Amino acid sequence: MPANNYLRYGELFPGHSIRDISPLIRMVRMKKSALELEKIRAAGRMNDRMFGRVKEILTEGMTELRFAGMVEAYYREQGHQGYLRVRSFNQEVFYGHLMSGPNLALNGSSLGPNSGRGSNPSFPQGPGHRVIGNQEPVMVDYVGVHEGHGPPGSEG
């Protein structure tokens, strides 16, 4: 949490210590109910359907943003909420990352191993205006989310 929040809580609860209980929260969240497991499975099925469509959607000459928009529209039709929650404080990801060619080597505002160019400099992350060429690598690193739940490791 930001330092100003930490200090404010210290003022609100004088004489008490503030401790990090995130390891305990993670232990509790490891155990999934039958309902949570079904939502996680539904998110996995959503991923399977989306990745099955990628090869039908992708065509040479489209921009990363156009490709992303088509993939994301398909996800939305399946019930995806758009954002993924991740374990880092105050960090969310919009669907995931989609990028191509040299944009795969860019790093930026993402805490992950790559970021992409993004649609503008104010958010250098994800797909950009780059045109996807023939026979070049394209990465679709998207995560399905069903009613707030994603596959294990996604924290979705």
N, C-alpha and C. Protein backbone atom coordinates (compact mmCIF):
# COMPACT_ATOMS: atom_id res chain seq x y z
N MET A 1 0.84 -1.17 0.00
CA MET A 1 0.00 0.00 0.00
C MET A 1 0.88 1.24 0.00
N PRO A 2 0.38 2.34 -0.50
CA PRO A 2 1.17 3.57 -0.49
C PRO A 2 1.51 4.01 0.94
N ALA A 3 2.63 4.68 1.08
CA ALA A 3 3.10 5.12 2.40
C ALA A 3 2.07 6.00 3.11
N ASN A 4 1.37 6.89 2.37
CA ASN A 4 0.39 7.74 3.05
C ASN A 4 -0.75 6.93 3.66
N ASN A 5 -1.17 5.85 3.02
CA ASN A 5 -2.20 4.97 3.60
C ASN A 5 -1.66 4.27 4.85
N TYR A 6 -0.45 3.75 4.74
CA TYR A 6 0.17 3.08 5.88
C TYR A 6 0.25 4.01 7.09
N LEU A 7 0.73 5.22 6.85
CA LEU A 7 0.86 6.18 7.95
C LEU A 7 -0.51 6.56 8.52
N ARG A 8 -1.51 6.70 7.66
CA ARG A 8 -2.86 7.05 8.12
C ARG A 8 -3.45 5.94 8.98
N TYR A 9 -3.27 4.68 8.58
CA TYR A 9 -3.76 3.58 9.40
C TYR A 9 -3.04 3.54 10.74
N GLY A 10 -1.77 3.86 10.74
CA GLY A 10 -1.03 3.94 12.00
C GLY A 10 -1.61 4.99 12.93
N GLU A 11 -2.05 6.12 12.37
CA GLU A 11 -2.68 7.17 13.17
C GLU A 11 -4.05 6.73 13.69
N LEU A 12 -4.79 6.01 12.86
CA LEU A 12 -6.14 5.57 13.24
C LEU A 12 -6.13 4.49 14.32
N PHE A 13 -5.06 3.70 14.36
CA PHE A 13 -4.97 2.61 15.32
C PHE A 13 -3.67 2.71 16.13
N PRO A 14 -3.55 3.76 16.94
CA PRO A 14 -2.32 3.94 17.73
C PRO A 14 -2.13 2.78 18.71
N GLY A 15 -0.87 2.42 18.89
CA GLY A 15 -0.54 1.34 19.81
C GLY A 15 -0.66 -0.05 19.19
N HIS A 16 -1.08 -0.14 17.95
CA HIS A 16 -1.19 -1.42 17.27
C HIS A 16 -0.17 -1.47 16.14
N SER A 17 0.37 -2.65 15.91
CA SER A 17 1.34 -2.78 14.81
C SER A 17 0.61 -3.22 13.54
N ILE A 18 1.10 -2.73 12.43
CA ILE A 18 0.55 -3.11 11.13
C ILE A 18 1.49 -4.15 10.54
N ARG A 19 0.92 -5.29 10.14
CA ARG A 19 1.74 -6.39 9.63
C ARG A 19 1.23 -6.85 8.26
N ASP A 20 2.12 -7.43 7.51
CA ASP A 20 1.78 -8.00 6.20
C ASP A 20 1.18 -9.39 6.42
N ILE A 21 -0.10 -9.54 6.09
CA ILE A 21 -0.74 -10.84 6.22
C ILE A 21 -1.01 -11.48 4.85
N SER A 22 -0.39 -10.94 3.81
CA SER A 22 -0.64 -11.49 2.48
C SER A 22 -0.29 -12.98 2.37
N PRO A 23 0.76 -13.50 3.06
CA PRO A 23 0.98 -14.96 2.99
C PRO A 23 -0.21 -15.75 3.54
N LEU A 24 -0.85 -15.26 4.60
CA LEU A 24 -2.02 -15.94 5.15
C LEU A 24 -3.20 -15.88 4.19
N ILE A 25 -3.38 -14.75 3.56
CA ILE A 25 -4.47 -14.61 2.58
C ILE A 25 -4.25 -15.56 1.42
N ARG A 26 -3.01 -15.67 0.94
CA ARG A 26 -2.71 -16.60 -0.15
C ARG A 26 -3.00 -18.04 0.25
N MET A 27 -2.69 -18.40 1.51
CA MET A 27 -2.97 -19.77 1.97
C MET A 27 -4.48 -20.04 1.96
N VAL A 28 -5.27 -19.08 2.41
CA VAL A 28 -6.72 -19.25 2.41
C VAL A 28 -7.24 -19.35 0.99
N ARG A 29 -6.72 -18.52 0.09
CA ARG A 29 -7.19 -18.51 -1.30
C ARG A 29 -6.77 -19.75 -2.09
N MET A 30 -5.79 -20.51 -1.59
CA MET A 30 -5.37 -21.73 -2.27
C MET A 30 -6.47 -22.78 -2.29
N LYS A 31 -7.28 -22.79 -1.28
CA LYS A 31 -8.35 -23.78 -1.19
C LYS A 31 -9.57 -23.24 -1.94
N LYS A 32 -10.00 -23.99 -2.92
CA LYS A 32 -11.10 -23.55 -3.79
C LYS A 32 -12.35 -24.36 -3.51
N SER A 33 -13.48 -23.68 -3.51
CA SER A 33 -14.77 -24.35 -3.38
C SER A 33 -15.11 -24.99 -4.73
N ALA A 34 -16.15 -25.83 -4.73
CA ALA A 34 -16.61 -26.45 -5.98
C ALA A 34 -17.05 -25.36 -6.96
N LEU A 35 -17.70 -24.31 -6.47
CA LEU A 35 -18.14 -23.21 -7.34
C LEU A 35 -16.94 -22.49 -7.95
N GLU A 36 -15.92 -22.20 -7.14
CA GLU A 36 -14.71 -21.55 -7.67
C GLU A 36 -14.03 -22.43 -8.71
N LEU A 37 -13.95 -23.72 -8.44
CA LEU A 37 -13.31 -24.64 -9.40
C LEU A 37 -14.07 -24.65 -10.72
N GLU A 38 -15.39 -24.63 -10.68
CA GLU A 38 -16.16 -24.61 -11.92
C GLU A 38 -15.92 -23.31 -12.69
N LYS A 39 -15.80 -22.19 -11.99
CA LYS A 39 -15.52 -20.91 -12.67
C LYS A 39 -14.13 -20.91 -13.28
N ILE A 40 -13.17 -21.52 -12.61
CA ILE A 40 -11.81 -21.63 -13.15
C ILE A 40 -11.83 -22.51 -14.40
N ARG A 41 -12.56 -23.61 -14.34
CA ARG A 41 -12.67 -24.49 -15.52
C ARG A 41 -13.35 -23.76 -16.67
N ALA A 42 -14.39 -22.98 -16.36
CA ALA A 42 -15.08 -22.21 -17.41
C ALA A 42 -14.12 -21.20 -18.04
N ALA A 43 -13.25 -20.60 -17.25
CA ALA A 43 -12.25 -19.67 -17.79
C ALA A 43 -11.28 -20.40 -18.70
N GLY A 44 -10.90 -21.62 -18.33
CA GLY A 44 -10.03 -22.43 -19.19
C GLY A 44 -10.70 -22.78 -20.50
N ARG A 45 -11.99 -23.12 -20.45
CA ARG A 45 -12.73 -23.41 -21.69
C ARG A 45 -12.82 -22.16 -22.56
N MET A 46 -12.99 -20.99 -21.92
CA MET A 46 -13.02 -19.73 -22.66
C MET A 46 -11.70 -19.53 -23.39
N ASN A 47 -10.59 -19.81 -22.72
CA ASN A 47 -9.27 -19.70 -23.35
C ASN A 47 -9.16 -20.65 -24.54
N ASP A 48 -9.58 -21.89 -24.36
CA ASP A 48 -9.50 -22.86 -25.45
C ASP A 48 -10.25 -22.36 -26.68
N ARG A 49 -11.46 -21.84 -26.47
CA ARG A 49 -12.25 -21.34 -27.60
C ARG A 49 -11.56 -20.15 -28.27
N MET A 50 -11.05 -19.22 -27.45
CA MET A 50 -10.41 -18.02 -28.01
C MET A 50 -9.17 -18.41 -28.81
N PHE A 51 -8.30 -19.25 -28.24
CA PHE A 51 -7.08 -19.61 -28.96
C PHE A 51 -7.40 -20.44 -30.20
N GLY A 52 -8.49 -21.16 -30.20
CA GLY A 52 -8.93 -21.85 -31.41
C GLY A 52 -9.33 -20.88 -32.50
N ARG A 53 -9.79 -19.70 -32.13
CA ARG A 53 -10.21 -18.68 -33.10
C ARG A 53 -9.07 -17.83 -33.62
N VAL A 54 -7.97 -17.74 -32.89
CA VAL A 54 -6.85 -16.86 -33.26
C VAL A 54 -6.40 -17.10 -34.69
N LYS A 55 -6.22 -18.34 -35.07
CA LYS A 55 -5.73 -18.64 -36.42
C LYS A 55 -6.74 -18.24 -37.50
N GLU A 56 -8.02 -18.17 -37.15
CA GLU A 56 -9.04 -17.74 -38.11
C GLU A 56 -9.08 -16.21 -38.23
N ILE A 57 -8.74 -15.52 -37.15
CA ILE A 57 -8.84 -14.06 -37.11
C ILE A 57 -7.61 -13.38 -37.70
N LEU A 58 -6.42 -13.88 -37.38
CA LEU A 58 -5.16 -13.23 -37.75
C LEU A 58 -4.93 -13.27 -39.26
N THR A 59 -4.70 -12.10 -39.83
CA THR A 59 -4.33 -12.02 -41.24
C THR A 59 -3.19 -11.03 -41.40
N GLU A 60 -2.32 -11.31 -42.33
CA GLU A 60 -1.22 -10.42 -42.64
C GLU A 60 -1.77 -9.05 -43.03
N GLY A 61 -1.10 -7.99 -42.54
CA GLY A 61 -1.47 -6.63 -42.91
C GLY A 61 -2.41 -5.94 -41.93
N MET A 62 -2.94 -6.68 -40.97
CA MET A 62 -3.78 -6.01 -39.96
C MET A 62 -2.88 -5.45 -38.87
N THR A 63 -3.33 -4.44 -38.17
CA THR A 63 -2.55 -3.89 -37.07
C THR A 63 -2.74 -4.76 -35.83
N GLU A 64 -1.79 -4.63 -34.92
CA GLU A 64 -1.93 -5.33 -33.64
C GLU A 64 -3.24 -4.93 -32.96
N LEU A 65 -3.57 -3.64 -33.03
CA LEU A 65 -4.80 -3.17 -32.38
C LEU A 65 -6.05 -3.78 -33.02
N ARG A 66 -6.08 -3.90 -34.32
CA ARG A 66 -7.22 -4.51 -35.00
C ARG A 66 -7.36 -5.97 -34.59
N PHE A 67 -6.24 -6.68 -34.60
CA PHE A 67 -6.24 -8.08 -34.19
C PHE A 67 -6.71 -8.21 -32.73
N ALA A 68 -6.15 -7.38 -31.86
CA ALA A 68 -6.54 -7.40 -30.45
C ALA A 68 -8.03 -7.11 -30.28
N GLY A 69 -8.53 -6.13 -31.02
CA GLY A 69 -9.95 -5.79 -30.92
C GLY A 69 -10.84 -6.96 -31.30
N MET A 70 -10.45 -7.71 -32.31
CA MET A 70 -11.25 -8.86 -32.73
C MET A 70 -11.20 -9.98 -31.70
N VAL A 71 -10.01 -10.23 -31.15
CA VAL A 71 -9.86 -11.25 -30.11
C VAL A 71 -10.65 -10.83 -28.87
N GLU A 72 -10.50 -9.58 -28.48
CA GLU A 72 -11.17 -9.09 -27.28
C GLU A 72 -12.69 -9.07 -27.45
N ALA A 73 -13.18 -8.76 -28.64
CA ALA A 73 -14.63 -8.80 -28.90
C ALA A 73 -15.14 -10.23 -28.72
N TYR A 74 -14.39 -11.19 -29.22
CA TYR A 74 -14.79 -12.59 -29.05
C TYR A 74 -14.83 -12.94 -27.56
N TYR A 75 -13.79 -12.54 -26.82
CA TYR A 75 -13.76 -12.78 -25.37
C TYR A 75 -14.99 -12.16 -24.70
N ARG A 76 -15.29 -10.92 -25.04
CA ARG A 76 -16.45 -10.23 -24.45
C ARG A 76 -17.74 -11.01 -24.69
N GLU A 77 -17.89 -11.51 -25.91
CA GLU A 77 -19.09 -12.29 -26.23
C GLU A 77 -19.18 -13.55 -25.38
N GLN A 78 -18.04 -14.03 -24.91
CA GLN A 78 -18.00 -15.21 -24.04
C GLN A 78 -18.19 -14.85 -22.57
N GLY A 79 -18.27 -13.54 -22.25
CA GLY A 79 -18.50 -13.12 -20.87
C GLY A 79 -17.28 -12.61 -20.13
N HIS A 80 -16.16 -12.44 -20.83
CA HIS A 80 -14.93 -11.93 -20.19
C HIS A 80 -15.15 -10.53 -19.65
N GLN A 81 -14.62 -10.25 -18.48
CA GLN A 81 -14.79 -8.94 -17.85
C GLN A 81 -13.81 -7.89 -18.35
N GLY A 82 -12.79 -8.28 -19.08
CA GLY A 82 -11.83 -7.32 -19.63
C GLY A 82 -10.57 -7.18 -18.82
N TYR A 83 -10.69 -6.93 -17.53
CA TYR A 83 -9.51 -6.75 -16.69
C TYR A 83 -9.17 -8.02 -15.93
N LEU A 84 -7.87 -8.18 -15.68
CA LEU A 84 -7.37 -9.27 -14.85
C LEU A 84 -6.74 -8.66 -13.62
N ARG A 85 -6.98 -9.25 -12.52
CA ARG A 85 -6.31 -8.81 -11.30
C ARG A 85 -5.04 -9.64 -11.15
N VAL A 86 -3.97 -8.96 -10.78
CA VAL A 86 -2.70 -9.65 -10.58
C VAL A 86 -2.23 -9.38 -9.16
N ARG A 87 -1.25 -10.14 -8.72
CA ARG A 87 -0.83 -10.09 -7.33
C ARG A 87 -0.09 -8.79 -6.96
N SER A 88 0.40 -8.05 -7.90
CA SER A 88 1.13 -6.81 -7.61
C SER A 88 0.16 -5.72 -7.15
N PHE A 89 0.58 -4.90 -6.20
CA PHE A 89 -0.29 -3.86 -5.66
C PHE A 89 -0.70 -2.87 -6.73
N ASN A 90 -1.98 -2.60 -6.78
CA ASN A 90 -2.53 -1.56 -7.64
C ASN A 90 -2.21 -1.80 -9.12
N GLN A 91 -2.14 -3.06 -9.51
CA GLN A 91 -1.79 -3.40 -10.89
C GLN A 91 -2.89 -4.28 -11.46
N GLU A 92 -3.43 -3.91 -12.59
CA GLU A 92 -4.36 -4.74 -13.32
C GLU A 92 -3.90 -4.79 -14.77
N VAL A 93 -4.35 -5.79 -15.48
CA VAL A 93 -3.98 -5.98 -16.88
C VAL A 93 -5.27 -6.03 -17.68
N PHE A 94 -5.28 -5.36 -18.82
CA PHE A 94 -6.43 -5.38 -19.71
C PHE A 94 -6.29 -6.57 -20.64
N TYR A 95 -7.01 -7.64 -20.41
CA TYR A 95 -7.00 -8.90 -21.16
C TYR A 95 -5.66 -9.61 -21.12
N GLY A 96 -4.58 -8.94 -21.35
CA GLY A 96 -3.25 -9.53 -21.46
C GLY A 96 -2.44 -8.73 -22.45
N HIS A 97 -1.48 -9.38 -23.07
CA HIS A 97 -0.63 -8.70 -24.06
C HIS A 97 -0.74 -9.39 -25.41
N LEU A 98 -0.76 -8.57 -26.44
CA LEU A 98 -0.74 -9.04 -27.81
C LEU A 98 0.23 -8.14 -28.55
N MET A 99 1.22 -8.73 -29.18
CA MET A 99 2.21 -7.94 -29.91
C MET A 99 2.87 -8.80 -30.97
N SER A 100 3.62 -8.14 -31.86
CA SER A 100 4.22 -8.85 -32.98
C SER A 100 5.61 -8.29 -33.29
N GLY A 101 6.38 -9.10 -34.04
CA GLY A 101 7.68 -8.67 -34.55
C GLY A 101 8.56 -8.03 -33.49
N PRO A 102 9.19 -6.89 -33.82
CA PRO A 102 10.11 -6.25 -32.87
C PRO A 102 9.43 -5.73 -31.61
N ASN A 103 8.11 -5.56 -31.63
CA ASN A 103 7.41 -5.11 -30.42
C ASN A 103 7.47 -6.16 -29.31
N LEU A 104 7.79 -7.40 -29.67
CA LEU A 104 7.95 -8.45 -28.66
C LEU A 104 9.14 -8.19 -27.74
N ALA A 105 10.10 -7.40 -28.21
CA ALA A 105 11.31 -7.14 -27.43
C ALA A 105 11.22 -5.88 -26.57
N LEU A 106 10.11 -5.16 -26.64
CA LEU A 106 9.98 -3.92 -25.88
C LEU A 106 9.57 -4.20 -24.45
N ASN A 107 10.18 -3.47 -23.53
CA ASN A 107 9.68 -3.50 -22.16
C ASN A 107 9.18 -2.12 -21.81
N GLY A 108 8.35 -2.02 -20.82
CA GLY A 108 7.75 -0.72 -20.50
C GLY A 108 7.06 -0.74 -19.16
N SER A 109 5.77 -0.43 -19.14
CA SER A 109 5.07 -0.26 -17.87
C SER A 109 4.60 -1.56 -17.24
N SER A 110 4.74 -2.67 -17.91
CA SER A 110 4.31 -3.95 -17.36
C SER A 110 5.36 -4.50 -16.41
N LEU A 111 4.89 -5.19 -15.38
CA LEU A 111 5.84 -5.87 -14.49
C LEU A 111 6.31 -7.19 -15.07
N GLY A 112 5.73 -7.59 -16.19
CA GLY A 112 6.09 -8.86 -16.83
C GLY A 112 7.34 -8.71 -17.67
N PRO A 113 7.71 -9.79 -18.38
CA PRO A 113 8.95 -9.79 -19.16
C PRO A 113 8.88 -8.95 -20.43
N ASN A 114 7.68 -8.57 -20.87
CA ASN A 114 7.56 -7.70 -22.04
C ASN A 114 6.33 -6.84 -21.89
N SER A 115 6.24 -5.82 -22.71
CA SER A 115 5.12 -4.90 -22.58
C SER A 115 4.42 -4.60 -23.89
N GLY A 116 5.18 -4.49 -24.96
CA GLY A 116 4.60 -4.01 -26.21
C GLY A 116 4.61 -2.49 -26.25
N ARG A 117 4.22 -1.93 -27.39
CA ARG A 117 4.25 -0.48 -27.57
C ARG A 117 3.03 0.20 -26.99
N GLY A 118 1.88 -0.47 -27.03
CA GLY A 118 0.64 0.16 -26.59
C GLY A 118 0.11 1.10 -27.66
N SER A 119 -1.08 1.62 -27.41
CA SER A 119 -1.71 2.49 -28.42
C SER A 119 -1.19 3.92 -28.38
N ASN A 120 -0.57 4.32 -27.26
CA ASN A 120 0.03 5.65 -27.16
C ASN A 120 1.02 5.68 -26.00
N PRO A 121 1.88 6.70 -25.92
CA PRO A 121 2.93 6.74 -24.90
C PRO A 121 2.42 6.81 -23.45
N SER A 122 1.15 7.20 -23.25
CA SER A 122 0.67 7.29 -21.87
C SER A 122 0.41 5.92 -21.26
N PHE A 123 0.31 4.88 -22.08
CA PHE A 123 0.12 3.52 -21.59
C PHE A 123 0.91 2.56 -22.47
N PRO A 124 2.25 2.53 -22.30
CA PRO A 124 3.09 1.70 -23.16
C PRO A 124 3.01 0.23 -22.78
N GLN A 125 1.91 -0.40 -23.16
CA GLN A 125 1.69 -1.79 -22.81
C GLN A 125 0.65 -2.38 -23.76
N GLY A 126 0.94 -3.57 -24.27
CA GLY A 126 -0.03 -4.26 -25.12
C GLY A 126 0.09 -3.89 -26.59
N PRO A 127 -0.99 -4.13 -27.35
CA PRO A 127 -0.94 -3.93 -28.80
C PRO A 127 -0.82 -2.47 -29.19
N GLY A 128 -0.18 -2.25 -30.34
CA GLY A 128 -0.01 -0.90 -30.87
C GLY A 128 -0.48 -0.82 -32.31
N HIS A 129 -0.02 0.21 -32.99
CA HIS A 129 -0.45 0.47 -34.36
C HIS A 129 0.38 -0.28 -35.41
N ARG A 130 1.31 -1.09 -34.96
CA ARG A 130 2.19 -1.81 -35.88
C ARG A 130 1.40 -2.77 -36.77
N VAL A 131 1.75 -2.80 -38.04
CA VAL A 131 1.13 -3.72 -39.00
C VAL A 131 1.84 -5.06 -38.90
N ILE A 132 1.08 -6.12 -38.79
CA ILE A 132 1.63 -7.47 -38.66
C ILE A 132 2.00 -7.99 -40.04
N GLY A 133 3.26 -8.39 -40.17
CA GLY A 133 3.77 -8.86 -41.46
C GLY A 133 3.69 -10.37 -41.60
N ASN A 134 4.03 -10.83 -42.78
CA ASN A 134 4.03 -12.25 -43.09
C ASN A 134 5.22 -12.95 -42.42
N GLN A 135 5.00 -14.13 -41.92
CA GLN A 135 6.05 -14.98 -41.36
C GLN A 135 6.82 -14.31 -40.23
N GLU A 136 6.14 -13.57 -39.38
CA GLU A 136 6.82 -13.00 -38.21
C GLU A 136 6.09 -13.45 -36.95
N PRO A 137 6.82 -13.46 -35.84
CA PRO A 137 6.19 -13.95 -34.61
C PRO A 137 5.09 -13.00 -34.11
N VAL A 138 4.05 -13.62 -33.59
CA VAL A 138 2.94 -12.89 -32.97
C VAL A 138 2.67 -13.58 -31.64
N MET A 139 2.60 -12.80 -30.57
CA MET A 139 2.32 -13.35 -29.25
C MET A 139 0.94 -12.91 -28.81
N VAL A 140 0.12 -13.87 -28.42
CA VAL A 140 -1.18 -13.60 -27.82
C VAL A 140 -1.13 -14.19 -26.41
N ASP A 141 -0.87 -13.34 -25.45
CA ASP A 141 -0.74 -13.75 -24.05
C ASP A 141 -1.96 -13.21 -23.30
N TYR A 142 -3.10 -13.81 -23.56
CA TYR A 142 -4.36 -13.39 -22.96
C TYR A 142 -4.83 -14.46 -21.98
N VAL A 143 -5.60 -14.03 -21.01
CA VAL A 143 -6.09 -14.93 -19.98
C VAL A 143 -7.61 -14.85 -19.93
N GLY A 144 -8.25 -15.99 -20.01
CA GLY A 144 -9.70 -16.03 -19.87
C GLY A 144 -10.10 -15.78 -18.42
N VAL A 145 -11.18 -15.05 -18.22
CA VAL A 145 -11.71 -14.81 -16.88
C VAL A 145 -13.21 -15.04 -16.94
N HIS A 146 -13.69 -15.88 -16.03
CA HIS A 146 -15.13 -16.16 -15.95
C HIS A 146 -15.62 -15.77 -14.56
N GLU A 147 -16.47 -14.77 -14.51
CA GLU A 147 -17.05 -14.29 -13.24
C GLU A 147 -15.97 -14.07 -12.17
N GLY A 148 -14.91 -13.38 -12.58
CA GLY A 148 -13.85 -13.02 -11.65
C GLY A 148 -12.79 -14.08 -11.42
N HIS A 149 -12.90 -15.21 -12.06
CA HIS A 149 -11.95 -16.30 -11.85
C HIS A 149 -11.24 -16.62 -13.15
N GLY A 150 -9.92 -16.83 -13.03
CA GLY A 150 -9.11 -17.21 -14.17
C GLY A 150 -8.36 -18.49 -13.88
N PRO A 151 -7.63 -18.98 -14.85
CA PRO A 151 -6.83 -20.20 -14.64
C PRO A 151 -5.82 -20.01 -13.53
N PRO A 152 -5.37 -21.09 -12.90
CA PRO A 152 -4.37 -20.98 -11.82
C PRO A 152 -3.16 -20.18 -12.27
N GLY A 153 -2.68 -19.31 -11.39
CA GLY A 153 -1.52 -18.48 -11.68
C GLY A 153 -1.88 -17.13 -12.25
N SER A 154 -3.13 -16.97 -12.73
CA SER A 154 -3.50 -15.69 -13.34
C SER A 154 -3.96 -14.69 -12.30
N GLU A 155 -4.38 -15.16 -11.14
CA GLU A 155 -4.94 -14.33 -10.08
C GLU A 155 -6.19 -13.60 -10.55
N GLY A 156 -6.80 -14.06 -11.66
CA GLY A 156 -7.96 -13.42 -12.23
C GLY A 156 -9.25 -13.67 -11.51
